[in-house]
Amino acid sequence: MNIQIFGVNKCFDTKKAERYFKERKIKYQYIDLSLKGLSKRELESVKGAVGIKALINEKSKDYAKSNLKNIINDSVKEEILLKNPMLYKTPIVRNGRQATVGYQPEIWKTWE
């Protein structure tokens, strides 16, 4: 198992995700989205697992500013997400080609 958790320190669900893996003594890599966003390949992988709509945090302060609501083209949405990682819904948890968005312990349990 190769777990990566993409999140922000202020996110309660990100902290819960970290605790979930710590309690089960499952090693994971934490990536702080406020410091470093997903790479283009990471975004492609996660998008393939969950879809682009699931990745976008419509409650984010940056959502209205980015005008994502009015953009139809997914490749344009991807470019905006790559430039502004604070638009992601968190946590994004990857296990190889599998991925989840948000706190999803019932899915993570199937990965063990």
N, C-alpha and C. Protein backbone atom coordinates (compact mmCIF):
# COMPACT_ATOMS: atom_id res chain seq x y z
N MET A 1 0.84 -1.18 0.00
CA MET A 1 0.00 0.00 0.00
C MET A 1 0.89 1.25 0.00
N ASN A 2 0.58 2.17 -0.91
CA ASN A 2 1.36 3.40 -1.03
C ASN A 2 0.39 4.58 -0.91
N ILE A 3 0.13 5.00 0.31
CA ILE A 3 -0.89 6.01 0.58
C ILE A 3 -0.29 7.42 0.53
N GLN A 4 -1.00 8.30 -0.18
CA GLN A 4 -0.67 9.72 -0.17
C GLN A 4 -1.91 10.48 0.26
N ILE A 5 -1.72 11.42 1.18
CA ILE A 5 -2.83 12.27 1.63
C ILE A 5 -2.50 13.69 1.22
N PHE A 6 -3.33 14.26 0.35
CA PHE A 6 -3.20 15.65 -0.05
C PHE A 6 -4.24 16.43 0.75
N GLY A 7 -3.79 17.43 1.48
CA GLY A 7 -4.73 18.20 2.28
C GLY A 7 -4.13 19.50 2.76
N VAL A 8 -4.86 20.17 3.62
CA VAL A 8 -4.38 21.41 4.24
C VAL A 8 -4.48 21.24 5.75
N ASN A 9 -3.57 21.88 6.47
CA ASN A 9 -3.50 21.71 7.91
C ASN A 9 -4.75 22.17 8.64
N LYS A 10 -5.48 23.11 8.10
CA LYS A 10 -6.67 23.63 8.77
C LYS A 10 -7.91 22.78 8.55
N CYS A 11 -7.82 21.77 7.69
CA CYS A 11 -8.97 20.95 7.33
C CYS A 11 -9.19 19.83 8.36
N PHE A 12 -10.36 19.82 8.97
CA PHE A 12 -10.69 18.82 9.99
C PHE A 12 -10.69 17.41 9.39
N ASP A 13 -11.26 17.24 8.19
CA ASP A 13 -11.31 15.92 7.56
C ASP A 13 -9.92 15.40 7.20
N THR A 14 -9.00 16.30 6.85
CA THR A 14 -7.63 15.89 6.56
C THR A 14 -6.99 15.34 7.83
N LYS A 15 -7.20 15.99 8.95
CA LYS A 15 -6.66 15.51 10.23
C LYS A 15 -7.25 14.15 10.59
N LYS A 16 -8.55 13.98 10.33
CA LYS A 16 -9.19 12.69 10.61
C LYS A 16 -8.62 11.59 9.71
N ALA A 17 -8.35 11.92 8.46
CA ALA A 17 -7.76 10.94 7.54
C ALA A 17 -6.38 10.52 8.03
N GLU A 18 -5.56 11.48 8.44
CA GLU A 18 -4.23 11.16 8.97
C GLU A 18 -4.34 10.26 10.19
N ARG A 19 -5.28 10.60 11.08
CA ARG A 19 -5.47 9.79 12.29
C ARG A 19 -5.90 8.36 11.94
N TYR A 20 -6.78 8.22 10.93
CA TYR A 20 -7.24 6.90 10.50
C TYR A 20 -6.05 6.01 10.15
N PHE A 21 -5.13 6.52 9.34
CA PHE A 21 -3.98 5.71 8.91
C PHE A 21 -2.96 5.53 10.03
N LYS A 22 -2.77 6.54 10.87
CA LYS A 22 -1.85 6.41 12.01
C LYS A 22 -2.31 5.32 12.97
N GLU A 23 -3.62 5.33 13.28
CA GLU A 23 -4.16 4.35 14.23
C GLU A 23 -4.00 2.92 13.73
N ARG A 24 -3.98 2.72 12.43
CA ARG A 24 -3.83 1.40 11.85
C ARG A 24 -2.37 1.08 11.49
N LYS A 25 -1.48 2.00 11.88
CA LYS A 25 -0.05 1.87 11.62
C LYS A 25 0.24 1.65 10.13
N ILE A 26 -0.51 2.38 9.30
CA ILE A 26 -0.31 2.35 7.85
C ILE A 26 0.50 3.58 7.47
N LYS A 27 1.65 3.36 6.86
CA LYS A 27 2.49 4.48 6.46
C LYS A 27 1.82 5.26 5.34
N TYR A 28 1.99 6.56 5.40
CA TYR A 28 1.43 7.43 4.36
C TYR A 28 2.34 8.63 4.18
N GLN A 29 2.19 9.29 3.05
CA GLN A 29 2.92 10.51 2.77
C GLN A 29 1.90 11.65 2.77
N TYR A 30 2.18 12.70 3.53
CA TYR A 30 1.28 13.85 3.60
C TYR A 30 1.84 14.96 2.71
N ILE A 31 0.99 15.50 1.85
CA ILE A 31 1.37 16.62 0.99
C ILE A 31 0.45 17.78 1.31
N ASP A 32 1.03 18.88 1.77
CA ASP A 32 0.27 20.08 2.13
C ASP A 32 -0.05 20.88 0.87
N LEU A 33 -1.32 20.95 0.51
CA LEU A 33 -1.72 21.64 -0.71
C LEU A 33 -1.47 23.14 -0.66
N SER A 34 -1.35 23.70 0.55
CA SER A 34 -1.06 25.13 0.63
C SER A 34 0.39 25.42 0.26
N LEU A 35 1.24 24.37 0.26
CA LEU A 35 2.64 24.53 -0.12
C LEU A 35 2.93 23.98 -1.52
N LYS A 36 2.28 22.86 -1.85
CA LYS A 36 2.55 22.18 -3.12
C LYS A 36 1.27 21.51 -3.61
N GLY A 37 0.88 21.81 -4.82
CA GLY A 37 -0.32 21.22 -5.39
C GLY A 37 -0.04 19.87 -6.03
N LEU A 38 -1.06 19.28 -6.61
CA LEU A 38 -0.91 18.03 -7.34
C LEU A 38 -0.18 18.32 -8.66
N SER A 39 0.65 17.37 -9.08
CA SER A 39 1.28 17.50 -10.39
C SER A 39 0.23 17.15 -11.44
N LYS A 40 0.54 17.42 -12.69
CA LYS A 40 -0.40 17.12 -13.78
C LYS A 40 -0.73 15.63 -13.82
N ARG A 41 0.27 14.78 -13.64
CA ARG A 41 0.05 13.33 -13.65
C ARG A 41 -0.78 12.88 -12.45
N GLU A 42 -0.50 13.45 -11.27
CA GLU A 42 -1.28 13.11 -10.08
C GLU A 42 -2.74 13.50 -10.28
N LEU A 43 -2.96 14.69 -10.84
CA LEU A 43 -4.32 15.15 -11.11
C LEU A 43 -5.02 14.21 -12.08
N GLU A 44 -4.32 13.79 -13.14
CA GLU A 44 -4.91 12.86 -14.11
C GLU A 44 -5.32 11.55 -13.43
N SER A 45 -4.46 11.05 -12.56
CA SER A 45 -4.73 9.80 -11.87
C SER A 45 -5.95 9.92 -10.95
N VAL A 46 -5.99 10.97 -10.16
CA VAL A 46 -7.10 11.17 -9.23
C VAL A 46 -8.39 11.44 -10.00
N LYS A 47 -8.28 12.25 -11.04
CA LYS A 47 -9.46 12.56 -11.87
C LYS A 47 -10.03 11.29 -12.48
N GLY A 48 -9.16 10.37 -12.90
CA GLY A 48 -9.60 9.10 -13.46
C GLY A 48 -10.36 8.25 -12.45
N ALA A 49 -10.01 8.39 -11.18
CA ALA A 49 -10.65 7.59 -10.13
C ALA A 49 -11.96 8.21 -9.63
N VAL A 50 -12.00 9.54 -9.52
CA VAL A 50 -13.17 10.17 -8.88
C VAL A 50 -13.93 11.15 -9.77
N GLY A 51 -13.30 11.59 -10.87
CA GLY A 51 -13.93 12.59 -11.72
C GLY A 51 -13.56 14.00 -11.31
N ILE A 52 -13.58 14.92 -12.24
CA ILE A 52 -13.14 16.29 -11.98
C ILE A 52 -14.10 17.04 -11.05
N LYS A 53 -15.39 16.77 -11.17
CA LYS A 53 -16.39 17.47 -10.36
C LYS A 53 -16.18 17.20 -8.87
N ALA A 54 -15.83 15.97 -8.51
CA ALA A 54 -15.62 15.60 -7.11
C ALA A 54 -14.42 16.32 -6.49
N LEU A 55 -13.48 16.75 -7.33
CA LEU A 55 -12.26 17.39 -6.83
C LEU A 55 -12.45 18.86 -6.46
N ILE A 56 -13.47 19.49 -6.99
CA ILE A 56 -13.63 20.93 -6.84
C ILE A 56 -14.44 21.27 -5.59
N ASN A 57 -13.87 22.10 -4.74
CA ASN A 57 -14.54 22.54 -3.53
C ASN A 57 -15.35 23.80 -3.84
N GLU A 58 -16.64 23.62 -4.02
CA GLU A 58 -17.51 24.74 -4.38
C GLU A 58 -17.73 25.70 -3.22
N LYS A 59 -17.32 25.30 -2.00
CA LYS A 59 -17.47 26.17 -0.83
C LYS A 59 -16.20 26.98 -0.56
N SER A 60 -15.18 26.75 -1.36
CA SER A 60 -13.90 27.45 -1.20
C SER A 60 -14.06 28.94 -1.50
N LYS A 61 -13.30 29.74 -0.78
CA LYS A 61 -13.30 31.19 -1.02
C LYS A 61 -12.85 31.51 -2.44
N ASP A 62 -11.93 30.70 -2.94
CA ASP A 62 -11.37 30.93 -4.27
C ASP A 62 -12.28 30.47 -5.40
N TYR A 63 -13.33 29.70 -5.06
CA TYR A 63 -14.21 29.14 -6.10
C TYR A 63 -14.91 30.25 -6.89
N ALA A 64 -15.50 31.19 -6.19
CA ALA A 64 -16.21 32.29 -6.87
C ALA A 64 -15.23 33.16 -7.66
N LYS A 65 -14.06 33.41 -7.09
CA LYS A 65 -13.05 34.23 -7.76
C LYS A 65 -12.56 33.59 -9.06
N SER A 66 -12.48 32.26 -9.06
CA SER A 66 -11.91 31.55 -10.21
C SER A 66 -12.88 31.43 -11.38
N ASN A 67 -14.16 31.67 -11.14
CA ASN A 67 -15.19 31.57 -12.17
C ASN A 67 -15.35 30.14 -12.69
N LEU A 68 -14.97 29.16 -11.89
CA LEU A 68 -15.07 27.75 -12.30
C LEU A 68 -16.51 27.32 -12.59
N LYS A 69 -17.44 27.95 -11.91
CA LYS A 69 -18.85 27.60 -12.08
C LYS A 69 -19.30 27.75 -13.53
N ASN A 70 -18.75 28.74 -14.22
CA ASN A 70 -19.16 29.04 -15.58
C ASN A 70 -18.31 28.38 -16.66
N ILE A 71 -17.31 27.59 -16.24
CA ILE A 71 -16.42 26.95 -17.20
C ILE A 71 -16.93 25.53 -17.49
N ILE A 72 -17.12 25.22 -18.75
CA ILE A 72 -17.64 23.92 -19.16
C ILE A 72 -16.51 22.96 -19.49
N ASN A 73 -15.46 23.44 -20.11
CA ASN A 73 -14.35 22.63 -20.60
C ASN A 73 -13.52 22.08 -19.43
N ASP A 74 -13.43 20.73 -19.33
CA ASP A 74 -12.69 20.10 -18.24
C ASP A 74 -11.20 20.40 -18.28
N SER A 75 -10.62 20.53 -19.47
CA SER A 75 -9.17 20.80 -19.54
C SER A 75 -8.87 22.20 -19.00
N VAL A 76 -9.78 23.14 -19.17
CA VAL A 76 -9.60 24.49 -18.60
C VAL A 76 -9.72 24.41 -17.08
N LYS A 77 -10.68 23.61 -16.59
CA LYS A 77 -10.83 23.42 -15.15
C LYS A 77 -9.55 22.82 -14.55
N GLU A 78 -8.98 21.84 -15.26
CA GLU A 78 -7.74 21.22 -14.79
C GLU A 78 -6.62 22.25 -14.66
N GLU A 79 -6.48 23.10 -15.67
CA GLU A 79 -5.44 24.14 -15.63
C GLU A 79 -5.62 25.06 -14.43
N ILE A 80 -6.87 25.43 -14.15
CA ILE A 80 -7.16 26.31 -13.01
C ILE A 80 -6.83 25.58 -11.70
N LEU A 81 -7.18 24.30 -11.61
CA LEU A 81 -6.87 23.52 -10.40
C LEU A 81 -5.36 23.38 -10.19
N LEU A 82 -4.63 23.18 -11.28
CA LEU A 82 -3.17 23.05 -11.17
C LEU A 82 -2.54 24.35 -10.68
N LYS A 83 -3.11 25.48 -11.07
CA LYS A 83 -2.56 26.78 -10.67
C LYS A 83 -3.03 27.20 -9.28
N ASN A 84 -4.18 26.70 -8.82
CA ASN A 84 -4.72 27.11 -7.53
C ASN A 84 -5.16 25.87 -6.73
N PRO A 85 -4.22 25.24 -6.01
CA PRO A 85 -4.54 24.02 -5.27
C PRO A 85 -5.53 24.22 -4.12
N MET A 86 -5.82 25.46 -3.75
CA MET A 86 -6.77 25.71 -2.67
C MET A 86 -8.22 25.48 -3.13
N LEU A 87 -8.41 25.17 -4.40
CA LEU A 87 -9.75 24.87 -4.94
C LEU A 87 -10.13 23.39 -4.76
N TYR A 88 -9.17 22.56 -4.35
CA TYR A 88 -9.45 21.14 -4.18
C TYR A 88 -10.29 20.89 -2.93
N LYS A 89 -11.19 19.91 -3.03
CA LYS A 89 -11.90 19.41 -1.87
C LYS A 89 -10.91 18.48 -1.17
N THR A 90 -10.80 18.55 0.13
CA THR A 90 -9.79 17.76 0.85
C THR A 90 -10.44 16.86 1.90
N PRO A 91 -9.75 15.81 2.31
CA PRO A 91 -8.47 15.34 1.79
C PRO A 91 -8.65 14.52 0.50
N ILE A 92 -7.62 14.54 -0.31
CA ILE A 92 -7.53 13.65 -1.46
C ILE A 92 -6.59 12.54 -1.02
N VAL A 93 -7.08 11.31 -1.00
CA VAL A 93 -6.26 10.18 -0.55
C VAL A 93 -6.06 9.24 -1.74
N ARG A 94 -4.78 8.99 -2.06
CA ARG A 94 -4.44 8.11 -3.18
C ARG A 94 -3.80 6.83 -2.68
N ASN A 95 -4.14 5.76 -3.37
CA ASN A 95 -3.49 4.47 -3.15
C ASN A 95 -3.28 3.88 -4.54
N GLY A 96 -2.13 4.19 -5.14
CA GLY A 96 -1.88 3.76 -6.51
C GLY A 96 -2.85 4.45 -7.46
N ARG A 97 -3.62 3.67 -8.20
CA ARG A 97 -4.59 4.24 -9.14
C ARG A 97 -5.93 4.54 -8.48
N GLN A 98 -6.10 4.09 -7.25
CA GLN A 98 -7.34 4.35 -6.53
C GLN A 98 -7.23 5.68 -5.80
N ALA A 99 -8.37 6.35 -5.63
CA ALA A 99 -8.36 7.63 -4.93
C ALA A 99 -9.73 7.92 -4.35
N THR A 100 -9.73 8.72 -3.29
CA THR A 100 -10.97 9.20 -2.70
C THR A 100 -10.83 10.69 -2.43
N VAL A 101 -11.98 11.35 -2.31
CA VAL A 101 -12.00 12.76 -1.93
C VAL A 101 -12.91 12.87 -0.72
N GLY A 102 -12.41 13.56 0.31
CA GLY A 102 -13.17 13.65 1.56
C GLY A 102 -12.81 12.50 2.49
N TYR A 103 -13.47 12.47 3.63
CA TYR A 103 -13.22 11.44 4.63
C TYR A 103 -14.01 10.20 4.24
N GLN A 104 -13.33 9.12 3.83
CA GLN A 104 -13.96 7.91 3.29
C GLN A 104 -13.41 6.63 3.93
N PRO A 105 -13.53 6.46 5.25
CA PRO A 105 -12.93 5.28 5.90
C PRO A 105 -13.47 3.96 5.40
N GLU A 106 -14.74 3.92 4.96
CA GLU A 106 -15.29 2.65 4.48
C GLU A 106 -14.59 2.18 3.20
N ILE A 107 -14.14 3.11 2.38
CA ILE A 107 -13.38 2.75 1.18
C ILE A 107 -11.95 2.40 1.54
N TRP A 108 -11.34 3.18 2.44
CA TRP A 108 -9.95 2.92 2.83
C TRP A 108 -9.82 1.54 3.47
N LYS A 109 -10.85 1.11 4.17
CA LYS A 109 -10.82 -0.21 4.81
C LYS A 109 -10.64 -1.32 3.78
N THR A 110 -11.20 -1.14 2.57
CA THR A 110 -11.05 -2.15 1.52
C THR A 110 -9.63 -2.17 0.95
N TRP A 111 -8.86 -1.13 1.20
CA TRP A 111 -7.48 -1.06 0.70
C TRP A 111 -6.51 -1.84 1.59
N GLU A 112 -6.90 -2.11 2.83
CA GLU A 112 -5.98 -2.74 3.81
C GLU A 112 -5.69 -4.18 3.45
